[in-house]
Every structure is written in C-alpha cells, then in structure tokens.
Amino acid sequence: MAKNYNYKEFDLSSMGDLALTVEERAQGEFFWVVIEAISDDSHDRMAYRRLRAAEQPQDSYSSALAVGSLMLRRLTGNP
C-alpha cells in the first residue's frame, strides 16, 4: 500500500500536472490515488507517478472519488 503523505509536506511550486484516479484493489475496496505527470519523450502518451494514495479503502467508486477530490484540492491549495 502506498505511503500516505501529509499534504503539507509537498512543495507546490515544484509539482507538475496532477490527476486523480480510483483503483479497485479488491472487490468492493476502492482507493483514490493522486498522480503527477512525469517527463516522457513520447508525444503519444503521458506517464505518471503516484504522489499520494489512500491508506483505507472506500466502499464505492464514487466515495473514493469524492474523498480523493478533496485531497487533490488540498494539495493544490484550494481547501
């Protein structure tokens, strides 16, 4: 499971493009994951790295998406 970082630890000025995704790691266990775009020589695709992920699952996709959206807003300074 990904380490759950405190969002205040990040230097927002050094962050690239961020995105939010939801993973169903086991049936009925949904985890939000904030990802950051990384450099890639390809113009046909985008590569990402995990920036932060939920430690505890939500019981629905929509719940994980809502909680992840809140975290993404906090990471970008929009509480």
PDB file of N, CA and C in Angstrom:
ATOM      1  N   MET A   1       0.845  -1.166   0.000  1.00  0.00           N
ATOM      2  CA  MET A   1       0.000   0.000   0.000  1.00  0.00           C
ATOM      3  C   MET A   1       0.897   1.238   0.000  1.00  0.00           C
ATOM      4  N   ALA A   2       0.508   2.271  -0.737  1.00  0.00           N
ATOM      5  CA  ALA A   2       1.300   3.484  -0.855  1.00  0.00           C
ATOM      6  C   ALA A   2       1.334   4.236   0.469  1.00  0.00           C
ATOM      7  N   LYS A   3       2.446   4.894   0.724  1.00  0.00           N
ATOM      8  CA  LYS A   3       2.580   5.694   1.936  1.00  0.00           C
ATOM      9  C   LYS A   3       1.608   6.864   1.854  1.00  0.00           C
ATOM     10  N   ASN A   4       0.961   7.175   2.937  1.00  0.00           N
ATOM     11  CA  ASN A   4       0.001   8.267   2.992  1.00  0.00           C
ATOM     12  C   ASN A   4       0.725   9.514   3.481  1.00  0.00           C
ATOM     13  N   TYR A   5       1.184  10.377   2.589  1.00  0.00           N
ATOM     14  CA  TYR A   5       1.922  11.574   2.932  1.00  0.00           C
ATOM     15  C   TYR A   5       0.995  12.664   3.426  1.00  0.00           C
ATOM     16  N   ASN A   6       1.506  13.487   4.303  1.00  0.00           N
ATOM     17  CA  ASN A   6       0.779  14.667   4.738  1.00  0.00           C
ATOM     18  C   ASN A   6       0.894  15.687   3.618  1.00  0.00           C
ATOM     19  N   TYR A   7      -0.226  16.202   3.142  1.00  0.00           N
ATOM     20  CA  TYR A   7      -0.196  17.094   2.002  1.00  0.00           C
ATOM     21  C   TYR A   7       0.623  18.349   2.253  1.00  0.00           C
ATOM     22  N   LYS A   8       0.816  18.758   3.500  1.00  0.00           N
ATOM     23  CA  LYS A   8       1.597  19.960   3.806  1.00  0.00           C
ATOM     24  C   LYS A   8       3.090  19.728   3.587  1.00  0.00           C
ATOM     25  N   GLU A   9       3.539  18.497   3.391  1.00  0.00           N
ATOM     26  CA  GLU A   9       4.943  18.196   3.173  1.00  0.00           C
ATOM     27  C   GLU A   9       5.389  18.532   1.756  1.00  0.00           C
ATOM     28  N   PHE A  10       4.477  18.728   0.829  1.00  0.00           N
ATOM     29  CA  PHE A  10       4.820  18.924  -0.567  1.00  0.00           C
ATOM     30  C   PHE A  10       5.108  20.377  -0.882  1.00  0.00           C
ATOM     31  N   ASP A  11       6.093  20.607  -1.745  1.00  0.00           N
ATOM     32  CA  ASP A  11       6.383  21.931  -2.262  1.00  0.00           C
ATOM     33  C   ASP A  11       5.545  22.114  -3.519  1.00  0.00           C
ATOM     34  N   LEU A  12       4.456  22.859  -3.416  1.00  0.00           N
ATOM     35  CA  LEU A  12       3.532  23.007  -4.530  1.00  0.00           C
ATOM     36  C   LEU A  12       4.168  23.660  -5.740  1.00  0.00           C
ATOM     37  N   SER A  13       5.200  24.480  -5.544  1.00  0.00           N
ATOM     38  CA  SER A  13       5.832  25.155  -6.676  1.00  0.00           C
ATOM     39  C   SER A  13       6.585  24.187  -7.580  1.00  0.00           C
ATOM     40  N   SER A  14       6.925  22.998  -7.067  1.00  0.00           N
ATOM     41  CA  SER A  14       7.673  22.037  -7.871  1.00  0.00           C
ATOM     42  C   SER A  14       6.788  20.945  -8.475  1.00  0.00           C
ATOM     43  N   MET A  15       5.475  20.998  -8.189  1.00  0.00           N
ATOM     44  CA  MET A  15       4.568  19.978  -8.724  1.00  0.00           C
ATOM     45  C   MET A  15       4.249  20.236 -10.182  1.00  0.00           C
ATOM     46  N   GLY A  16       4.094  19.159 -10.907  1.00  0.00           N
ATOM     47  CA  GLY A  16       3.683  19.245 -12.295  1.00  0.00           C
ATOM     48  C   GLY A  16       2.181  19.091 -12.413  1.00  0.00           C
ATOM     49  N   ASP A  17       1.745  18.521 -13.524  1.00  0.00           N
ATOM     50  CA  ASP A  17       0.325  18.280 -13.744  1.00  0.00           C
ATOM     51  C   ASP A  17      -0.145  17.150 -12.843  1.00  0.00           C
ATOM     52  N   LEU A  18      -1.246  17.370 -12.144  1.00  0.00           N
ATOM     53  CA  LEU A  18      -1.804  16.367 -11.244  1.00  0.00           C
ATOM     54  C   LEU A  18      -3.098  15.804 -11.811  1.00  0.00           C
ATOM     55  N   ALA A  19      -3.387  14.570 -11.439  1.00  0.00           N
ATOM     56  CA  ALA A  19      -4.634  13.918 -11.832  1.00  0.00           C
ATOM     57  C   ALA A  19      -5.077  13.017 -10.687  1.00  0.00           C
ATOM     58  N   LEU A  20      -6.339  12.620 -10.739  1.00  0.00           N
ATOM     59  CA  LEU A  20      -6.915  11.749  -9.721  1.00  0.00           C
ATOM     60  C   LEU A  20      -7.468  10.507 -10.399  1.00  0.00           C
ATOM     61  N   THR A  21      -7.187   9.369  -9.809  1.00  0.00           N
ATOM     62  CA  THR A  21      -7.745   8.121 -10.309  1.00  0.00           C
ATOM     63  C   THR A  21      -8.237   7.302  -9.124  1.00  0.00           C
ATOM     64  N   VAL A  22      -9.050   6.307  -9.412  1.00  0.00           N
ATOM     65  CA  VAL A  22      -9.562   5.402  -8.382  1.00  0.00           C
ATOM     66  C   VAL A  22      -9.204   3.983  -8.789  1.00  0.00           C
ATOM     67  N   GLU A  23      -8.652   3.228  -7.847  1.00  0.00           N
ATOM     68  CA  GLU A  23      -8.290   1.829  -8.088  1.00  0.00           C
ATOM     69  C   GLU A  23      -9.184   0.925  -7.246  1.00  0.00           C
ATOM     70  N   GLU A  24      -9.670  -0.145  -7.842  1.00  0.00           N
ATOM     71  CA  GLU A  24     -10.368  -1.183  -7.079  1.00  0.00           C
ATOM     72  C   GLU A  24      -9.367  -2.308  -6.886  1.00  0.00           C
ATOM     73  N   ARG A  25      -8.722  -2.335  -5.737  1.00  0.00           N
ATOM     74  CA  ARG A  25      -7.637  -3.290  -5.482  1.00  0.00           C
ATOM     75  C   ARG A  25      -8.151  -4.672  -5.112  1.00  0.00           C
ATOM     76  N   ALA A  26      -9.305  -4.723  -4.514  1.00  0.00           N
ATOM     77  CA  ALA A  26     -10.017  -5.969  -4.219  1.00  0.00           C
ATOM     78  C   ALA A  26     -11.490  -5.660  -4.437  1.00  0.00           C
ATOM     79  N   GLN A  27     -12.269  -6.688  -4.610  1.00  0.00           N
ATOM     80  CA  GLN A  27     -13.675  -6.455  -4.888  1.00  0.00           C
ATOM     81  C   GLN A  27     -14.322  -5.612  -3.788  1.00  0.00           C
ATOM     82  N   GLY A  28     -14.878  -4.451  -4.188  1.00  0.00           N
ATOM     83  CA  GLY A  28     -15.552  -3.579  -3.240  1.00  0.00           C
ATOM     84  C   GLY A  28     -14.643  -2.711  -2.393  1.00  0.00           C
ATOM     85  N   GLU A  29     -13.337  -2.645  -2.704  1.00  0.00           N
ATOM     86  CA  GLU A  29     -12.386  -1.809  -1.969  1.00  0.00           C
ATOM     87  C   GLU A  29     -11.773  -0.809  -2.941  1.00  0.00           C
ATOM     88  N   PHE A  30     -12.195   0.439  -2.821  1.00  0.00           N
ATOM     89  CA  PHE A  30     -11.783   1.479  -3.758  1.00  0.00           C
ATOM     90  C   PHE A  30     -10.850   2.476  -3.074  1.00  0.00           C
ATOM     91  N   PHE A  31      -9.731   2.741  -3.720  1.00  0.00           N
ATOM     92  CA  PHE A  31      -8.707   3.648  -3.205  1.00  0.00           C
ATOM     93  C   PHE A  31      -8.506   4.798  -4.179  1.00  0.00           C
ATOM     94  N   TRP A  32      -8.533   6.023  -3.669  1.00  0.00           N
ATOM     95  CA  TRP A  32      -8.189   7.157  -4.522  1.00  0.00           C
ATOM     96  C   TRP A  32      -6.675   7.250  -4.605  1.00  0.00           C
ATOM     97  N   VAL A  33      -6.171   7.732  -5.735  1.00  0.00           N
ATOM     98  CA  VAL A  33      -4.739   7.907  -5.948  1.00  0.00           C
ATOM     99  C   VAL A  33      -4.520   9.222  -6.692  1.00  0.00           C
ATOM    100  N   VAL A  34      -3.730  10.124  -6.110  1.00  0.00           N
ATOM    101  CA  VAL A  34      -3.333  11.345  -6.797  1.00  0.00           C
ATOM    102  C   VAL A  34      -2.026  11.030  -7.513  1.00  0.00           C
ATOM    103  N   ILE A  35      -1.991  11.335  -8.802  1.00  0.00           N
ATOM    104  CA  ILE A  35      -0.811  11.051  -9.615  1.00  0.00           C
ATOM    105  C   ILE A  35      -0.284  12.346 -10.230  1.00  0.00           C
ATOM    106  N   GLU A  36       1.014  12.355 -10.536  1.00  0.00           N
ATOM    107  CA  GLU A  36       1.668  13.525 -11.112  1.00  0.00           C
ATOM    108  C   GLU A  36       2.330  13.129 -12.421  1.00  0.00           C
ATOM    109  N   ALA A  37       2.151  13.955 -13.444  1.00  0.00           N
ATOM    110  CA  ALA A  37       2.776  13.699 -14.738  1.00  0.00           C
ATOM    111  C   ALA A  37       4.288  13.806 -14.603  1.00  0.00           C
ATOM    112  N   ILE A  38       5.000  12.913 -15.279  1.00  0.00           N
ATOM    113  CA  ILE A  38       6.459  12.949 -15.293  1.00  0.00           C
ATOM    114  C   ILE A  38       6.929  13.067 -16.731  1.00  0.00           C
ATOM    115  N   SER A  39       8.164  13.463 -16.901  1.00  0.00           N
ATOM    116  CA  SER A  39       8.721  13.639 -18.240  1.00  0.00           C
ATOM    117  C   SER A  39       8.773  12.317 -18.992  1.00  0.00           C
ATOM    118  N   ASP A  40       8.417  12.400 -20.254  1.00  0.00           N
ATOM    119  CA  ASP A  40       8.443  11.239 -21.135  1.00  0.00           C
ATOM    120  C   ASP A  40       8.739  11.765 -22.531  1.00  0.00           C
ATOM    121  N   ASP A  41       9.600  11.093 -23.263  1.00  0.00           N
ATOM    122  CA  ASP A  41       9.972  11.562 -24.590  1.00  0.00           C
ATOM    123  C   ASP A  41       8.868  11.371 -25.617  1.00  0.00           C
ATOM    124  N   SER A  42       7.869  10.588 -25.282  1.00  0.00           N
ATOM    125  CA  SER A  42       6.795  10.299 -26.223  1.00  0.00           C
ATOM    126  C   SER A  42       5.780  11.436 -26.253  1.00  0.00           C
ATOM    127  N   HIS A  43       5.314  11.762 -27.449  1.00  0.00           N
ATOM    128  CA  HIS A  43       4.258  12.759 -27.595  1.00  0.00           C
ATOM    129  C   HIS A  43       2.901  12.083 -27.695  1.00  0.00           C
ATOM    130  N   ASP A  44       2.887  10.751 -27.729  1.00  0.00           N
ATOM    131  CA  ASP A  44       1.650   9.992 -27.878  1.00  0.00           C
ATOM    132  C   ASP A  44       1.025   9.564 -26.558  1.00  0.00           C
ATOM    133  N   ARG A  45       1.782   9.687 -25.469  1.00  0.00           N
ATOM    134  CA  ARG A  45       1.267   9.213 -24.189  1.00  0.00           C
ATOM    135  C   ARG A  45       1.813  10.074 -23.060  1.00  0.00           C
ATOM    136  N   MET A  46       1.155   9.967 -21.917  1.00  0.00           N
ATOM    137  CA  MET A  46       1.595  10.662 -20.717  1.00  0.00           C
ATOM    138  C   MET A  46       1.971   9.614 -19.673  1.00  0.00           C
ATOM    139  N   ALA A  47       3.029   9.876 -18.939  1.00  0.00           N
ATOM    140  CA  ALA A  47       3.460   8.971 -17.878  1.00  0.00           C
ATOM    141  C   ALA A  47       3.213   9.665 -16.534  1.00  0.00           C
ATOM    142  N   TYR A  48       2.842   8.874 -15.544  1.00  0.00           N
ATOM    143  CA  TYR A  48       2.531   9.402 -14.221  1.00  0.00           C
ATOM    144  C   TYR A  48       3.259   8.614 -13.145  1.00  0.00           C
ATOM    145  N   ARG A  49       3.449   9.266 -11.996  1.00  0.00           N
ATOM    146  CA  ARG A  49       3.939   8.588 -10.798  1.00  0.00           C
ATOM    147  C   ARG A  49       2.934   8.851  -9.685  1.00  0.00           C
ATOM    148  N   ARG A  50       2.866   7.914  -8.743  1.00  0.00           N
ATOM    149  CA  ARG A  50       1.975   8.082  -7.595  1.00  0.00           C
ATOM    150  C   ARG A  50       2.525   9.187  -6.715  1.00  0.00           C
ATOM    151  N   LEU A  51       1.665  10.098  -6.352  1.00  0.00           N
ATOM    152  CA  LEU A  51       2.067  11.179  -5.455  1.00  0.00           C
ATOM    153  C   LEU A  51       1.530  10.920  -4.050  1.00  0.00           C
ATOM    154  N   ARG A  52       0.304  10.461  -3.988  1.00  0.00           N
ATOM    155  CA  ARG A  52      -0.338  10.161  -2.707  1.00  0.00           C
ATOM    156  C   ARG A  52      -1.484   9.199  -2.960  1.00  0.00           C
ATOM    157  N   ALA A  53      -1.712   8.286  -2.017  1.00  0.00           N
ATOM    158  CA  ALA A  53      -2.802   7.314  -2.152  1.00  0.00           C
ATOM    159  C   ALA A  53      -3.464   7.091  -0.801  1.00  0.00           C
ATOM    160  N   ALA A  54      -4.726   6.726  -0.839  1.00  0.00           N
ATOM    161  CA  ALA A  54      -5.478   6.439   0.382  1.00  0.00           C
ATOM    162  C   ALA A  54      -4.891   5.228   1.085  1.00  0.00           C
ATOM    163  N   GLU A  55      -4.895   5.271   2.394  1.00  0.00           N
ATOM    164  CA  GLU A  55      -4.475   4.117   3.176  1.00  0.00           C
ATOM    165  C   GLU A  55      -5.641   3.183   3.443  1.00  0.00           C
ATOM    166  N   GLN A  56      -6.836   3.743   3.544  1.00  0.00           N
ATOM    167  CA  GLN A  56      -8.035   2.959   3.836  1.00  0.00           C
ATOM    168  C   GLN A  56      -8.975   2.995   2.629  1.00  0.00           C
ATOM    169  N   PRO A  57      -9.591   1.869   2.303  1.00  0.00           N
ATOM    170  CA  PRO A  57     -10.490   1.845   1.150  1.00  0.00           C
ATOM    171  C   PRO A  57     -11.846   2.483   1.453  1.00  0.00           C
ATOM    172  N   GLN A  58     -12.486   2.933   0.413  1.00  0.00           N
ATOM    173  CA  GLN A  58     -13.880   3.355   0.460  1.00  0.00           C
ATOM    174  C   GLN A  58     -14.700   2.189  -0.079  1.00  0.00           C
ATOM    175  N   ASP A  59     -15.978   2.149   0.232  1.00  0.00           N
ATOM    176  CA  ASP A  59     -16.782   1.015  -0.228  1.00  0.00           C
ATOM    177  C   ASP A  59     -17.471   1.252  -1.564  1.00  0.00           C
ATOM    178  N   SER A  60     -17.207   2.422  -2.177  1.00  0.00           N
ATOM    179  CA  SER A  60     -17.736   2.655  -3.515  1.00  0.00           C
ATOM    180  C   SER A  60     -16.766   3.525  -4.311  1.00  0.00           C
ATOM    181  N   TYR A  61     -16.858   3.419  -5.618  1.00  0.00           N
ATOM    182  CA  TYR A  61     -16.041   4.230  -6.516  1.00  0.00           C
ATOM    183  C   TYR A  61     -16.316   5.712  -6.265  1.00  0.00           C
ATOM    184  N   SER A  62     -17.602   6.065  -6.170  1.00  0.00           N
ATOM    185  CA  SER A  62     -17.966   7.475  -6.011  1.00  0.00           C
ATOM    186  C   SER A  62     -17.462   8.050  -4.691  1.00  0.00           C
ATOM    187  N   SER A  63     -17.458   7.279  -3.634  1.00  0.00           N
ATOM    188  CA  SER A  63     -16.926   7.742  -2.352  1.00  0.00           C
ATOM    189  C   SER A  63     -15.418   7.984  -2.441  1.00  0.00           C
ATOM    190  N   ALA A  64     -14.712   7.062  -3.061  1.00  0.00           N
ATOM    191  CA  ALA A  64     -13.263   7.227  -3.228  1.00  0.00           C
ATOM    192  C   ALA A  64     -12.966   8.449  -4.090  1.00  0.00           C
ATOM    193  N   LEU A  65     -13.754   8.667  -5.123  1.00  0.00           N
ATOM    194  CA  LEU A  65     -13.568   9.819  -5.992  1.00  0.00           C
ATOM    195  C   LEU A  65     -13.809  11.120  -5.226  1.00  0.00           C
ATOM    196  N   ALA A  66     -14.831  11.156  -4.389  1.00  0.00           N
ATOM    197  CA  ALA A  66     -15.141  12.354  -3.608  1.00  0.00           C
ATOM    198  C   ALA A  66     -14.036  12.662  -2.596  1.00  0.00           C
ATOM    199  N   VAL A  67     -13.576  11.644  -1.881  1.00  0.00           N
ATOM    200  CA  VAL A  67     -12.520  11.841  -0.889  1.00  0.00           C
ATOM    201  C   VAL A  67     -11.220  12.236  -1.593  1.00  0.00           C
ATOM    202  N   GLY A  68     -10.912  11.582  -2.707  1.00  0.00           N
ATOM    203  CA  GLY A  68      -9.720  11.922  -3.473  1.00  0.00           C
ATOM    204  C   GLY A  68      -9.777  13.335  -4.031  1.00  0.00           C
ATOM    205  N   SER A  69     -10.957  13.776  -4.439  1.00  0.00           N
ATOM    206  CA  SER A  69     -11.118  15.141  -4.938  1.00  0.00           C
ATOM    207  C   SER A  69     -10.795  16.159  -3.852  1.00  0.00           C
ATOM    208  N   LEU A  70     -11.229  15.858  -2.637  1.00  0.00           N
ATOM    209  CA  LEU A  70     -10.917  16.738  -1.512  1.00  0.00           C
ATOM    210  C   LEU A  70      -9.408  16.811  -1.296  1.00  0.00           C
ATOM    211  N   MET A  71      -8.737  15.670  -1.337  1.00  0.00           N
ATOM    212  CA  MET A  71      -7.283  15.664  -1.148  1.00  0.00           C
ATOM    213  C   MET A  71      -6.584  16.415  -2.272  1.00  0.00           C
ATOM    214  N   LEU A  72      -7.038  16.249  -3.497  1.00  0.00           N
ATOM    215  CA  LEU A  72      -6.445  16.954  -4.629  1.00  0.00           C
ATOM    216  C   LEU A  72      -6.599  18.464  -4.446  1.00  0.00           C
ATOM    217  N   ARG A  73      -7.741  18.893  -3.977  1.00  0.00           N
ATOM    218  CA  ARG A  73      -7.956  20.323  -3.707  1.00  0.00           C
ATOM    219  C   ARG A  73      -7.009  20.809  -2.629  1.00  0.00           C
ATOM    220  N   ARG A  74      -6.802  20.016  -1.589  1.00  0.00           N
ATOM    221  CA  ARG A  74      -5.867  20.419  -0.527  1.00  0.00           C
ATOM    222  C   ARG A  74      -4.440  20.510  -1.059  1.00  0.00           C
ATOM    223  N   LEU A  75      -4.056  19.557  -1.876  1.00  0.00           N
ATOM    224  CA  LEU A  75      -2.702  19.564  -2.444  1.00  0.00           C
ATOM    225  C   LEU A  75      -2.452  20.796  -3.297  1.00  0.00           C
ATOM    226  N   THR A  76      -3.479  21.269  -3.963  1.00  0.00           N
ATOM    227  CA  THR A  76      -3.305  22.423  -4.846  1.00  0.00           C
ATOM    228  C   THR A  76      -3.627  23.737  -4.144  1.00  0.00           C
ATOM    229  N   GLY A  77      -3.859  23.680  -2.835  1.00  0.00           N
ATOM    230  CA  GLY A  77      -4.087  24.892  -2.067  1.00  0.00           C
ATOM    231  C   GLY A  77      -5.486  25.455  -2.173  1.00  0.00           C
ATOM    232  N   ASN A  78      -6.473  24.608  -2.508  1.00  0.00           N
ATOM    233  CA  ASN A  78      -7.863  25.023  -2.628  1.00  0.00           C
ATOM    234  C   ASN A  78      -8.740  24.223  -1.674  1.00  0.00           C
ATOM    235  N   PRO A  79      -8.689  24.539  -0.375  1.00  0.00           N
ATOM    236  CA  PRO A  79      -9.452  23.733   0.595  1.00  0.00           C
ATOM    237  C   PRO A  79     -10.899  23.845   0.444  1.00  0.00           C
TER     238      PRO A  79
END
